[in-house]
């Protein structure tokens, strides 16, 4: 199907895609936090009259270079998602999978919805992506994880490339011996992975951008080279970047102009993408 990026409402695009045409769907829909999700992009310059102090007492000035935002408010998130998820199941190949990325506020509602569409028997895992970054409230246990629900279209026949999954270090390598320690262990359903670093090369400035390491693991495990992967809440385009690296075709959809602008910058060196406005 080739690489395609749609600037459009995702429901119409989903309805136009052929049945049983993609091997993997990963989506990171709005989390319904009830507020505007925003990120301000800054750069730091040396200045004797700067507003912050760095290494060895050097003064720096903070300059705002831009910002990106979207409204993350839905009165009824499951009602919004239901027709899109029905189409997602239709589009998946018989051995395809859906990875649904959400947070603790909505995960229970979304799981009931997904069970009703895919069937409870098609639910394979709830993956907990845990990170340790940001402020810590003193009013409750600080929330430092997201939830990723994995459903197979057919729970008896789905892609899972266990040998392609990047292994992780043992926490106590001395207890397992040098051979196992060198090999590493398979991740469990709890994934410890940092968020996108503020000053890292990955950072695009787009709100809610997810780290490549998380998406690479999903794509490596649940699709094969040459397969087509769909992300219809594409945001900053991380799914497409991972697919491009791993030899998968991708279809990305987003209706936010800032998402499209972010992806244009991110994919500026890629000449094999069809950009489609609908």
Protein backbone atom coordinates (compact mmCIF):
# COMPACT_ATOMS: atom_id res chain seq x y z
CA UNK A 1 0.00 0.00 0.00
CA UNK A 2 3.01 2.33 0.36
CA UNK A 3 3.60 5.09 2.88
CA UNK A 4 0.60 7.43 3.19
CA UNK A 5 -0.13 10.37 5.47
CA UNK A 6 -3.69 11.73 5.51
CA UNK A 7 -4.71 15.17 6.75
CA UNK A 8 -8.33 14.31 7.43
CA UNK A 9 -10.91 13.12 9.93
CA UNK A 10 -9.92 9.54 10.61
CA UNK A 11 -13.39 7.97 10.45
CA UNK A 12 -13.83 8.76 6.76
CA UNK A 13 -10.36 7.42 5.94
CA UNK A 14 -10.97 4.24 7.92
CA UNK A 15 -14.23 3.64 6.07
CA UNK A 16 -12.35 3.93 2.77
CA UNK A 17 -9.60 1.41 3.56
CA UNK A 18 -9.97 -2.18 2.29
CA UNK A 19 -10.96 -4.95 4.66
CA UNK A 20 -8.15 -7.18 5.95
CA UNK A 21 -5.46 -4.88 4.56
CA UNK A 22 -3.18 -4.01 7.51
CA UNK A 23 -1.28 -6.26 9.90
CA UNK A 24 -1.00 -3.96 12.88
CA UNK A 25 -2.83 -0.96 14.25
CA UNK A 26 -1.29 1.18 16.98
CA UNK A 27 -3.27 4.15 18.24
CA UNK A 28 -2.70 6.71 20.96
CA UNK A 29 -6.09 8.46 21.06
CA UNK A 30 -6.84 11.54 23.16
CA UNK A 31 -6.77 10.62 26.83
CA UNK A 32 -9.76 12.80 27.72
CA UNK A 33 -7.85 14.68 30.40
CA UNK A 34 -10.34 17.54 30.20
CA UNK A 35 -7.69 20.14 29.45
CA UNK A 36 -5.56 21.55 26.67
CA UNK A 37 -2.46 19.47 25.98
CA UNK A 38 0.38 21.86 25.20
CA UNK A 39 4.14 21.98 24.83
CA UNK A 40 6.29 25.08 24.62
CA UNK A 41 9.51 24.84 22.62
CA UNK A 42 12.45 26.80 23.98
CA UNK A 43 16.11 27.31 23.30
CA UNK A 44 18.82 28.44 25.69
CA UNK A 45 21.47 31.05 24.87
CA UNK A 46 24.40 32.28 26.95
CA UNK A 47 23.81 35.75 28.38
CA UNK A 48 25.35 37.69 31.27
CA UNK A 49 21.85 38.94 32.15
CA UNK A 50 20.14 35.60 31.65
CA UNK A 51 17.24 34.24 33.70
CA UNK A 52 18.84 30.93 34.70
CA UNK A 53 22.17 29.64 35.94
CA UNK A 54 23.94 26.62 34.46
CA UNK A 55 27.21 24.77 34.91
CA UNK A 56 30.04 26.70 36.60
CA UNK A 57 27.75 29.67 37.24
CA UNK A 58 27.27 30.49 33.54
CA UNK A 59 24.10 32.57 32.96
CA UNK A 60 21.61 31.71 30.21
CA UNK A 61 18.52 33.31 28.67
CA UNK A 62 15.45 31.22 27.86
CA UNK A 63 13.84 32.01 24.51
CA UNK A 64 10.42 30.74 23.48
CA UNK A 65 10.54 29.57 19.86
CA UNK A 66 7.06 28.11 19.50
CA UNK A 67 4.27 26.07 21.02
CA UNK A 68 1.86 23.32 20.02
CA UNK A 69 -1.45 22.37 21.58
CA UNK A 70 -4.74 20.54 21.13
CA UNK A 71 -7.94 20.23 23.12
CA UNK A 72 -8.17 16.86 24.89
CA UNK A 73 -11.82 17.01 25.90
CA UNK A 74 -14.59 14.58 24.96
CA UNK A 75 -17.93 14.37 26.71
CA UNK A 76 -18.12 10.64 25.92
CA UNK A 77 -14.87 9.13 24.70
CA UNK A 78 -16.22 5.58 24.09
CA UNK A 79 -18.99 6.94 21.86
CA UNK A 80 -16.39 8.84 19.84
CA UNK A 81 -14.12 5.81 19.56
CA UNK A 82 -16.66 3.05 18.89
CA UNK A 83 -17.25 3.55 15.13
CA UNK A 84 -13.50 3.98 14.59
CA UNK A 85 -12.67 0.77 16.45
CA UNK A 86 -15.34 -1.17 14.54
CA UNK A 87 -13.64 -0.08 11.32
CA UNK A 88 -10.24 -0.94 12.79
CA UNK A 89 -11.28 -4.54 13.36
CA UNK A 90 -12.59 -4.80 9.79
CA UNK A 91 -9.33 -3.42 8.35
CA UNK A 92 -7.06 -5.80 10.28
CA UNK A 93 -5.82 -8.93 8.54
CA UNK A 94 -6.94 -12.23 10.08
CA UNK A 95 -3.66 -12.49 12.02
CA UNK A 96 -3.50 -8.78 12.84
CA UNK A 97 -3.38 -6.96 16.17
CA UNK A 98 -4.52 -3.71 17.73
CA UNK A 99 -2.44 -1.92 20.37
CA UNK A 100 -4.54 0.72 22.12
CA UNK A 101 -2.59 3.27 24.18
CA UNK A 102 -4.52 5.10 26.89
CA UNK A 103 -4.13 6.27 30.49
CA UNK A 104 -5.61 5.34 33.86
CA UNK A 105 -8.51 7.80 33.59
CA UNK A 106 -10.17 6.03 30.64
CA UNK A 107 -8.63 2.55 30.38
CA UNK A 108 -11.47 0.74 32.15
CA UNK A 109 -14.15 2.29 29.91
CA UNK A 110 -12.09 1.59 26.80
CA UNK A 111 -11.44 -2.03 27.72
CA UNK A 112 -15.18 -2.71 28.09
CA UNK A 113 -15.69 -1.13 24.66
CA UNK A 114 -12.87 -3.14 23.07
CA UNK A 115 -14.15 -6.37 24.65
CA UNK A 116 -17.53 -5.73 23.06
CA UNK A 117 -16.00 -5.19 19.59
CA UNK A 118 -13.15 -7.72 19.50
CA UNK A 119 -14.44 -10.19 22.10
CA UNK A 120 -12.99 -10.77 25.57
CA UNK A 121 -11.13 -13.81 24.28
CA UNK A 122 -9.17 -11.55 21.90
CA UNK A 123 -7.67 -9.56 24.76
CA UNK A 124 -4.05 -10.71 25.19
CA UNK A 125 -2.31 -8.19 27.45
CA UNK A 126 -2.53 -4.98 29.35
CA UNK A 127 0.97 -3.54 29.04
CA UNK A 128 2.01 -1.01 31.66
CA UNK A 129 4.47 1.56 30.36
CA UNK A 130 6.09 2.96 33.49
CA UNK A 131 8.30 6.04 33.59
CA UNK A 132 9.74 8.21 36.32
CA UNK A 133 9.69 11.86 35.29
CA UNK A 134 7.95 15.08 36.19
CA UNK A 135 6.24 16.53 39.22
CA UNK A 136 5.05 14.40 42.14
CA UNK A 137 1.80 15.29 43.80
CA UNK A 138 1.63 14.95 47.58
CA UNK A 139 -2.14 14.44 47.57
CA UNK A 140 -2.10 10.87 46.17
CA UNK A 141 0.26 8.30 44.66
CA UNK A 142 1.80 10.08 41.65
CA UNK A 143 0.60 8.61 38.35
CA UNK A 144 3.66 7.56 36.34
CA UNK A 145 2.39 5.03 33.83
CA UNK A 146 0.29 4.57 30.72
CA UNK A 147 -1.78 1.53 29.72
CA UNK A 148 -1.50 -0.28 26.36
CA UNK A 149 -4.24 -2.82 25.61
CA UNK A 150 -3.32 -5.54 23.10
CA UNK A 151 -6.06 -7.32 21.15
CA UNK A 152 -5.64 -9.94 18.43
CA UNK A 153 -8.29 -10.20 15.76
CA UNK A 154 -7.98 -13.99 16.10
CA UNK A 155 -6.65 -15.07 19.52
CA UNK A 156 -5.58 -18.41 18.01
CA UNK A 157 -3.64 -16.90 15.09
CA UNK A 158 -1.65 -13.69 15.48
CA UNK A 159 1.85 -12.37 14.79
CA UNK A 160 4.20 -12.38 17.74
CA UNK A 161 7.88 -12.39 16.81
CA UNK A 162 9.39 -13.24 20.17
CA UNK A 163 12.90 -13.56 18.69
CA UNK A 164 12.72 -10.01 17.29
CA UNK A 165 12.01 -8.40 20.65
CA UNK A 166 14.95 -6.46 22.05
CA UNK A 167 16.03 -8.04 25.31
CA UNK A 168 16.54 -6.04 28.46
CA UNK A 169 19.19 -6.36 31.22
CA UNK A 170 18.58 -8.51 34.28
CA UNK A 171 18.17 -6.42 37.42
CA UNK A 172 20.41 -8.87 39.31
CA UNK A 173 22.72 -10.33 36.63
CA UNK A 174 24.91 -11.98 39.24
CA UNK A 175 22.06 -14.33 40.17
CA UNK A 176 21.54 -15.77 36.66
CA UNK A 177 25.10 -16.39 35.53
CA UNK A 178 27.21 -14.75 32.82
CA UNK A 179 25.59 -16.51 29.84
CA UNK A 180 22.04 -15.43 30.68
CA UNK A 181 23.22 -12.00 31.79
CA UNK A 182 24.89 -11.43 28.41
CA UNK A 183 21.75 -12.53 26.56
CA UNK A 184 19.37 -10.44 28.66
CA UNK A 185 15.73 -11.27 29.33
CA UNK A 186 12.45 -10.76 27.52
CA UNK A 187 10.35 -7.82 28.70
CA UNK A 188 7.25 -8.65 30.70
CA UNK A 189 3.97 -6.76 30.51
CA UNK A 190 5.56 -3.94 32.53
CA UNK A 191 7.85 -1.77 30.41
CA UNK A 192 10.21 0.65 32.12
CA UNK A 193 11.14 3.27 29.54
CA UNK A 194 11.88 6.96 29.83
CA UNK A 195 9.63 9.53 28.18
CA UNK A 196 11.00 11.49 25.21
CA UNK A 197 13.89 13.50 26.70
CA UNK A 198 13.29 17.24 26.75
CA UNK A 199 16.55 17.98 24.95
CA UNK A 200 16.84 14.67 23.07
CA UNK A 201 17.13 14.26 19.30
CA UNK A 202 13.70 12.62 19.20
CA UNK A 203 11.91 15.64 20.64
CA UNK A 204 9.60 17.38 18.17
CA UNK A 205 7.78 19.64 20.62
CA UNK A 206 4.47 17.93 19.83
CA UNK A 207 2.27 17.32 22.90
CA UNK A 208 2.00 13.70 24.06
CA UNK A 209 4.79 12.49 21.75
CA UNK A 210 5.63 8.87 22.60
CA UNK A 211 9.19 7.47 22.57
CA UNK A 212 10.45 5.50 19.59
CA UNK A 213 11.61 2.67 21.86
CA UNK A 214 8.03 1.84 22.86
CA UNK A 215 6.70 1.88 19.29
CA UNK A 216 9.68 -0.07 17.89
CA UNK A 217 9.03 -2.87 20.37
CA UNK A 218 5.37 -3.13 19.36
CA UNK A 219 6.09 -3.06 15.62
CA UNK A 220 8.95 -5.57 15.86
CA UNK A 221 6.85 -8.00 17.87
CA UNK A 222 3.51 -7.78 16.08
CA UNK A 223 4.29 -7.22 12.40
CA UNK A 224 6.69 -8.53 9.77
CA UNK A 225 8.94 -6.65 7.30
CA UNK A 226 6.86 -5.43 4.38
CA UNK A 227 3.60 -5.40 6.39
CA UNK A 228 1.41 -2.30 6.58
CA UNK A 229 0.94 -0.57 9.95
CA UNK A 230 -1.87 1.91 10.59
CA UNK A 231 -1.99 4.74 13.13
CA UNK A 232 -5.12 6.89 12.83
CA UNK A 233 -4.25 9.23 15.71
CA UNK A 234 -0.79 9.85 14.29
CA UNK A 235 0.22 12.99 16.20
CA UNK A 236 3.94 13.59 15.71
CA UNK A 237 4.32 10.56 13.42
CA UNK A 238 6.41 8.31 15.67
CA UNK A 239 4.70 5.18 14.31
CA UNK A 240 5.78 6.15 10.80
CA UNK A 241 9.36 6.80 11.89
CA UNK A 242 9.58 3.37 13.52
CA UNK A 243 8.03 1.70 10.47
CA UNK A 244 10.48 3.43 8.15
CA UNK A 245 13.38 2.18 10.25
CA UNK A 246 12.04 -1.39 10.45
CA UNK A 247 10.99 -1.89 6.82
CA UNK A 248 7.21 -1.65 7.25
CA UNK A 249 4.74 0.34 5.18
CA UNK A 250 2.63 2.83 7.10
CA UNK A 251 -0.62 4.75 6.94
CA UNK A 252 -0.90 7.75 9.27
CA UNK A 253 -4.01 9.89 9.78
CA UNK A 254 -4.48 13.08 11.76
CA UNK A 255 -6.82 16.07 11.53
CA UNK A 256 -4.67 18.46 13.58
CA UNK A 257 -2.74 20.92 11.33
CA UNK A 258 0.05 21.06 13.91
CA UNK A 259 0.46 17.29 13.70
CA UNK A 260 0.81 17.49 9.92
CA UNK A 261 3.35 20.29 10.16
CA UNK A 262 5.35 18.30 12.71
CA UNK A 263 5.34 15.25 10.44
CA UNK A 264 6.41 17.29 7.42
CA UNK A 265 9.49 18.36 9.34
CA UNK A 266 10.12 14.87 10.67
CA UNK A 267 9.79 13.21 7.25
CA UNK A 268 11.45 15.93 5.17
CA UNK A 269 14.18 13.53 4.00
CA UNK A 270 11.66 10.85 2.95
CA UNK A 271 10.66 10.97 -0.71
CA UNK A 272 8.46 7.87 -0.70
CA UNK A 273 5.42 9.24 1.15
CA UNK A 274 2.06 10.20 -0.36
CA UNK A 275 0.65 13.25 1.42
CA UNK A 276 -3.14 13.25 1.05
CA UNK A 277 -5.60 15.95 2.11
CA UNK A 278 -9.20 14.80 2.33
